Amino acid sequence: MGLGVRFYLFVEDGLQRISHRLMEGLAHGKDAMPQFAGTKQKVANVLVAMEAGKPVKVERADGSFLTFDENGEVHKDLIASGFAAMETYRALERAQRNPEPGKVVDLSPKLNREKWERENRWTLSKEDLDLIADDIWNRKRAGAPKVQRATGIAPKPPSMTWEAKEAVKEIQSKVWSIGGQLERLAEPSLKGVSFEALQMAKADQNSPLWRAVSETAELRREILKRHRTGAGIWHATVEILRWDVTHHSGESVSSFHEKCNSKKEAEEAARRMLAENAKHFSAEFSVEASVVCELEWYEAASDDLQPGS
């Protein structure tokens, strides 16, 4: 028996089902729902037990809120809410674990946690659960509103055939190999590769591929030059990661970023943000800093825009 997750949005005109693609897009700031701009909407996360690909039981249903900004995005609010959840929970845990004998108990951690719960959680009623169950098991009830499909603005990626997926895997392995070769080279060698690739482009039917190799070599050469000289715009980032020791994996829960006018300035900014966020460090959370030049920052930003990531 396995588990599946479904997401539902409770709005004025009925229930809407949120696809995994849309929910991931909202959570990562890659999609938006402008129809709900400036509003706060109820959402339910439903954990469903599955057997042979079919739902057999609703294991759990949790109610929370999506707070949409003026653009219909929720990413920033989710980050802020996540941090508030972490801080109020840990403060309450510390207060309950280390009470000082003979001292008046400080109720503020408990009150702050209760306030966060009121603002970020809600309890599904029997009617709410019935509507969800009707959708999961395709039940038709007289007078029950039809569940709509929630829509965002990010374009839906084209469907991938099995052949297309296999081709992408094969191409990806070759691209990684090219990137690995170029990353091992110093500036003079990269200059030579770039020139030779352009010559190959003039004589080879795969000229677009050779031009791409030349451009990639030039980009890598310029990145090395920026690191050597410290010139240009730089970016300092501090990221907080939550680690799952059971599965030996981690996920980013928040990041802080500053744009700087030099490598030195970015290093100073990273150290400052690292100190400011050191309070979040624990056995489950790590705080990591990085400094990259603008060319690397744009490269990372482009990766973030890929559909389905």
Protein backbone atom coordinates (compact mmCIF):
# COMPACT_ATOMS: atom_id res chain seq x y z
CA MET A 1 0.00 0.00 0.00
CA GLY A 2 1.32 3.44 -0.95
CA LEU A 3 0.38 7.03 -0.22
CA GLY A 4 -0.72 9.85 -2.49
CA VAL A 5 -1.27 13.55 -1.86
CA ARG A 6 -4.07 15.72 -3.21
CA PHE A 7 -4.60 19.45 -2.82
CA TYR A 8 -7.93 21.27 -2.71
CA LEU A 9 -8.80 24.96 -2.65
CA PHE A 10 -12.00 26.05 -0.90
CA VAL A 11 -13.30 29.19 -2.62
CA GLU A 12 -16.62 31.06 -2.64
CA ASP A 13 -18.03 29.27 -5.68
CA GLY A 14 -17.03 25.75 -4.57
CA LEU A 15 -14.16 23.32 -4.41
CA GLN A 16 -11.16 23.42 -6.76
CA ARG A 17 -8.56 20.69 -7.16
CA ILE A 18 -4.94 21.89 -7.38
CA SER A 19 -2.60 19.78 -9.48
CA HIS A 20 0.85 18.84 -8.17
CA ARG A 21 2.41 20.89 -10.97
CA LEU A 22 0.47 24.02 -9.97
CA MET A 23 1.12 23.56 -6.24
CA GLU A 24 4.87 23.12 -6.86
CA GLY A 25 4.85 26.17 -9.10
CA LEU A 26 3.14 28.27 -6.43
CA ALA A 27 5.46 27.03 -3.68
CA HIS A 28 8.61 27.78 -5.71
CA GLY A 29 7.45 31.14 -7.06
CA LYS A 30 7.15 29.86 -10.65
CA ASP A 31 3.38 30.12 -11.01
CA ALA A 32 0.59 32.41 -9.85
CA MET A 33 -3.18 32.62 -9.60
CA PRO A 34 -4.03 36.29 -10.32
CA GLN A 35 -7.75 35.52 -9.95
CA PHE A 36 -7.09 35.38 -6.17
CA ALA A 37 -4.72 38.37 -5.97
CA GLY A 38 -4.89 40.13 -2.60
CA THR A 39 -6.94 37.40 -0.91
CA LYS A 40 -6.43 34.64 1.63
CA GLN A 41 -7.87 31.26 0.64
CA LYS A 42 -8.39 27.96 2.43
CA VAL A 43 -6.45 24.97 1.13
CA ALA A 44 -6.52 21.31 2.21
CA ASN A 45 -3.61 18.86 1.96
CA VAL A 46 -5.09 15.36 1.77
CA LEU A 47 -3.05 12.20 2.34
CA VAL A 48 -4.65 9.21 0.58
CA ALA A 49 -3.81 5.53 1.02
CA MET A 50 -3.45 3.86 -2.40
CA GLU A 51 -3.68 0.19 -3.38
CA ALA A 52 -3.02 -1.01 -6.93
CA GLY A 53 -3.13 2.62 -8.06
CA LYS A 54 -6.58 3.23 -6.57
CA PRO A 55 -7.53 5.28 -3.47
CA VAL A 56 -8.79 3.18 -0.58
CA LYS A 57 -8.75 5.52 2.43
CA VAL A 58 -8.20 9.15 3.43
CA GLU A 59 -5.44 8.92 6.01
CA ARG A 60 -5.27 12.60 6.91
CA ALA A 61 -6.58 16.01 5.82
CA ASP A 62 -4.91 19.21 7.04
CA GLY A 63 -6.30 22.70 6.50
CA SER A 64 -4.01 25.69 5.91
CA PHE A 65 -4.14 29.01 4.05
CA LEU A 66 -2.66 30.44 0.88
CA THR A 67 -2.15 34.20 1.12
CA PHE A 68 -1.94 35.66 -2.39
CA ASP A 69 -0.09 38.94 -2.97
CA GLU A 70 -1.06 41.61 -5.52
CA ASN A 71 0.29 39.39 -8.31
CA GLY A 72 -1.49 36.24 -7.17
CA GLU A 73 1.73 34.69 -5.85
CA VAL A 74 2.18 32.91 -2.50
CA HIS A 75 5.89 32.05 -2.46
CA LYS A 76 7.08 34.85 -0.15
CA ASP A 77 4.26 34.37 2.33
CA LEU A 78 4.91 30.61 2.48
CA ILE A 79 8.55 31.29 3.36
CA ALA A 80 7.60 33.80 6.08
CA SER A 81 4.95 31.44 7.47
CA GLY A 82 7.42 28.53 7.46
CA PHE A 83 9.95 30.53 9.45
CA ALA A 84 7.30 31.66 11.93
CA ALA A 85 6.20 28.03 12.33
CA MET A 86 9.75 26.91 13.02
CA GLU A 87 10.52 29.71 15.47
CA THR A 88 7.27 29.47 17.48
CA TYR A 89 7.52 25.67 17.69
CA ARG A 90 11.12 25.71 18.87
CA ALA A 91 10.44 28.50 21.39
CA LEU A 92 7.52 26.54 22.84
CA GLU A 93 9.60 23.35 22.93
CA ARG A 94 12.42 25.11 24.83
CA ALA A 95 9.96 26.61 27.32
CA GLN A 96 8.35 23.24 28.02
CA ARG A 97 11.67 21.39 28.22
CA ASN A 98 13.54 23.75 30.56
CA PRO A 99 11.13 25.29 33.09
CA GLU A 100 12.96 27.24 35.79
CA PRO A 101 11.92 26.17 39.34
CA GLY A 102 10.33 28.89 41.41
CA LYS A 103 10.00 31.27 38.44
CA VAL A 104 6.75 32.54 36.97
CA VAL A 105 6.10 30.61 33.76
CA ASP A 106 6.42 32.76 30.65
CA LEU A 107 3.26 32.17 28.61
CA SER A 108 4.42 34.10 25.55
CA PRO A 109 5.83 31.05 23.68
CA LYS A 110 2.51 29.21 24.10
CA LEU A 111 0.47 32.28 23.12
CA ASN A 112 2.67 32.98 20.09
CA ARG A 113 2.30 29.39 18.92
CA GLU A 114 -1.48 29.50 19.37
CA LYS A 115 -1.59 32.77 17.41
CA TRP A 116 0.38 31.16 14.56
CA GLU A 117 -2.00 28.18 14.59
CA ARG A 118 -5.06 30.46 14.37
CA GLU A 119 -3.59 32.45 11.49
CA ASN A 120 -2.25 29.51 9.50
CA ARG A 121 -4.41 26.47 10.23
CA TRP A 122 -8.09 25.59 10.00
CA THR A 123 -10.07 22.42 10.71
CA LEU A 124 -12.05 20.72 7.95
CA SER A 125 -15.71 20.06 8.71
CA LYS A 126 -17.56 16.84 7.88
CA GLU A 127 -19.11 18.62 4.90
CA ASP A 128 -15.64 19.62 3.66
CA LEU A 129 -14.39 16.05 3.98
CA ASP A 130 -17.47 14.72 2.19
CA LEU A 131 -16.82 17.03 -0.78
CA ILE A 132 -13.24 15.80 -0.98
CA ALA A 133 -14.29 12.16 -0.66
CA ASP A 134 -16.85 12.65 -3.45
CA ASP A 135 -14.08 13.85 -5.74
CA ILE A 136 -11.57 11.15 -4.77
CA TRP A 137 -14.05 8.32 -5.36
CA ASN A 138 -15.93 9.99 -8.21
CA ARG A 139 -19.21 9.96 -6.34
CA LYS A 140 -22.20 11.86 -7.69
CA ARG A 141 -24.53 13.38 -5.10
CA ALA A 142 -27.65 15.36 -5.90
CA GLY A 143 -27.06 19.06 -5.37
CA ALA A 144 -23.33 18.66 -4.73
CA PRO A 145 -21.26 21.27 -6.65
CA LYS A 146 -18.88 19.99 -9.32
CA VAL A 147 -15.21 20.17 -8.38
CA GLN A 148 -13.35 22.57 -10.68
CA ARG A 149 -9.70 22.36 -11.71
CA ALA A 150 -7.62 25.24 -10.32
CA THR A 151 -5.62 27.15 -12.93
CA GLY A 152 -2.38 29.12 -12.85
CA ILE A 153 -0.63 31.21 -15.49
CA ALA A 154 2.50 29.15 -16.15
CA PRO A 155 2.29 27.37 -19.53
CA LYS A 156 1.72 23.65 -19.34
CA PRO A 157 4.76 21.74 -20.60
CA PRO A 158 4.19 19.46 -23.61
CA SER A 159 3.69 15.79 -22.86
CA MET A 160 6.81 13.66 -23.07
CA THR A 161 6.71 10.34 -24.86
CA TRP A 162 8.85 7.46 -23.63
CA GLU A 163 11.17 7.96 -26.61
CA ALA A 164 11.51 11.67 -25.84
CA LYS A 165 12.37 10.99 -22.19
CA GLU A 166 15.03 8.45 -23.16
CA ALA A 167 16.50 10.87 -25.70
CA VAL A 168 16.69 13.66 -23.11
CA LYS A 169 18.44 11.33 -20.65
CA GLU A 170 21.02 10.38 -23.26
CA ILE A 171 21.57 13.98 -24.35
CA GLN A 172 21.78 15.13 -20.74
CA SER A 173 24.57 12.68 -19.99
CA LYS A 174 26.53 14.07 -22.97
CA VAL A 175 25.90 17.68 -21.92
CA TRP A 176 27.12 16.94 -18.39
CA SER A 177 30.21 15.35 -19.90
CA ILE A 178 30.92 18.49 -21.95
CA GLY A 179 30.41 20.70 -18.90
CA GLY A 180 32.74 18.50 -16.85
CA GLN A 181 35.46 18.73 -19.50
CA LEU A 182 35.25 22.53 -19.65
CA GLU A 183 35.20 22.96 -15.85
CA ARG A 184 38.58 21.26 -15.61
CA LEU A 185 40.26 23.76 -17.95
CA ALA A 186 42.07 26.98 -17.10
CA GLU A 187 41.53 30.28 -18.92
CA PRO A 188 44.13 29.78 -21.71
CA SER A 189 42.80 26.29 -22.52
CA LEU A 190 39.21 27.55 -22.58
CA LYS A 191 40.21 30.25 -25.07
CA GLY A 192 41.67 27.56 -27.33
CA VAL A 193 38.57 25.34 -27.06
CA SER A 194 36.32 28.27 -27.91
CA PHE A 195 38.33 29.14 -31.04
CA GLU A 196 38.56 25.54 -32.22
CA ALA A 197 34.84 24.95 -31.68
CA LEU A 198 34.06 27.94 -33.91
CA GLN A 199 36.28 26.50 -36.61
CA MET A 200 34.44 23.18 -36.32
CA ALA A 201 31.13 25.02 -36.63
CA LYS A 202 32.17 26.29 -40.08
CA ALA A 203 32.84 22.82 -41.42
CA ASP A 204 30.40 20.57 -39.53
CA GLN A 205 26.70 20.06 -40.17
CA ASN A 206 26.25 20.19 -36.39
CA SER A 207 27.35 23.83 -36.39
CA PRO A 208 24.75 24.99 -33.79
CA LEU A 209 26.14 22.46 -31.32
CA TRP A 210 29.73 23.56 -31.91
CA ARG A 211 28.74 27.23 -31.50
CA ALA A 212 27.10 26.31 -28.20
CA VAL A 213 30.35 24.63 -27.07
CA SER A 214 32.28 27.77 -28.02
CA GLU A 215 29.86 30.02 -26.12
CA THR A 216 29.95 27.75 -23.07
CA ALA A 217 33.76 27.80 -23.06
CA GLU A 218 33.75 31.61 -23.30
CA LEU A 219 31.25 31.84 -20.43
CA ARG A 220 33.37 29.55 -18.27
CA ARG A 221 36.49 31.57 -19.12
CA GLU A 222 34.80 34.84 -18.11
CA ILE A 223 33.59 33.30 -14.83
CA LEU A 224 37.15 32.27 -13.96
CA LYS A 225 38.34 35.78 -14.82
CA ARG A 226 35.72 37.32 -12.51
CA HIS A 227 36.83 35.04 -9.67
CA ARG A 228 40.44 35.93 -10.30
CA THR A 229 39.93 39.70 -10.41
CA GLY A 230 36.85 40.13 -8.22
CA ALA A 231 35.44 42.55 -10.78
CA GLY A 232 31.81 43.07 -11.75
CA ILE A 233 28.55 42.48 -9.88
CA TRP A 234 28.49 39.70 -7.27
CA HIS A 235 25.72 37.99 -5.31
CA ALA A 236 25.80 36.81 -1.70
CA THR A 237 23.32 34.13 -0.65
CA VAL A 238 22.57 32.41 2.65
CA GLU A 239 20.35 29.35 2.46
CA ILE A 240 18.64 27.44 5.26
CA LEU A 241 18.25 23.71 4.61
CA ARG A 242 16.08 21.20 6.44
CA TRP A 243 17.68 17.73 6.59
CA ASP A 244 15.94 14.38 6.71
CA VAL A 245 18.41 12.06 8.42
CA THR A 246 16.27 9.03 7.61
CA HIS A 247 16.50 9.52 3.86
CA HIS A 248 19.84 11.38 3.86
CA SER A 249 18.29 14.28 1.95
CA GLY A 250 17.76 17.98 2.44
CA GLU A 251 15.45 20.68 1.13
CA SER A 252 15.76 24.45 1.05
CA VAL A 253 13.25 26.16 3.33
CA SER A 254 14.43 29.74 2.80
CA SER A 255 17.20 31.85 1.33
CA PHE A 256 18.45 35.43 1.70
CA HIS A 257 20.21 37.31 -1.07
CA GLU A 258 22.10 40.57 -1.59
CA LYS A 259 23.46 42.07 -4.80
CA CYS A 260 26.92 43.60 -4.33
CA ASN A 261 29.37 45.69 -6.35
CA SER A 262 32.45 43.54 -5.76
CA LYS A 263 33.56 40.10 -4.63
CA LYS A 264 34.88 41.52 -1.36
CA GLU A 265 31.60 43.29 -0.64
CA ALA A 266 29.67 40.08 -1.35
CA GLU A 267 31.90 38.11 1.03
CA GLU A 268 31.24 40.65 3.78
CA ALA A 269 27.48 40.51 3.11
CA ALA A 270 27.51 36.70 3.22
CA ARG A 271 29.34 36.71 6.57
CA ARG A 272 26.85 39.19 8.01
CA MET A 273 23.79 37.23 6.81
CA LEU A 274 25.38 34.03 8.07
CA ALA A 275 25.74 35.55 11.56
CA GLU A 276 22.17 36.93 11.47
CA ASN A 277 20.73 33.51 10.64
CA ALA A 278 22.99 31.36 12.79
CA LYS A 279 20.12 31.19 15.31
CA HIS A 280 18.29 28.85 12.90
CA PHE A 281 21.07 26.25 12.98
CA SER A 282 20.28 22.94 14.67
CA ALA A 283 20.73 19.20 14.13
CA GLU A 284 17.89 19.35 11.59
CA PHE A 285 18.69 22.70 9.96
CA SER A 286 21.92 23.91 8.38
CA VAL A 287 22.79 27.49 7.38
CA GLU A 288 25.02 27.76 4.31
CA ALA A 289 26.55 30.79 2.58
CA SER A 290 27.75 31.20 -1.00
CA VAL A 291 29.18 33.95 -3.16
CA VAL A 292 28.93 33.92 -6.97
CA CYS A 293 29.56 36.39 -9.76
CA GLU A 294 26.69 37.72 -11.85
CA LEU A 295 27.31 35.28 -14.70
CA GLU A 296 26.89 32.33 -12.34
CA TRP A 297 23.83 33.96 -10.74
CA TYR A 298 22.10 34.33 -14.10
CA GLU A 299 23.00 30.74 -14.93
CA ALA A 300 21.32 29.53 -11.70
CA ALA A 301 18.29 31.77 -12.28
CA SER A 302 17.83 30.25 -15.75
CA ASP A 303 17.92 26.76 -14.28
CA ASP A 304 15.16 27.75 -11.83
CA LEU A 305 12.87 28.68 -14.72
CA GLN A 306 12.85 25.24 -16.29
CA PRO A 307 9.33 23.73 -16.28
CA GLY A 308 8.70 20.80 -14.01
CA SER A 309 11.76 21.42 -11.80
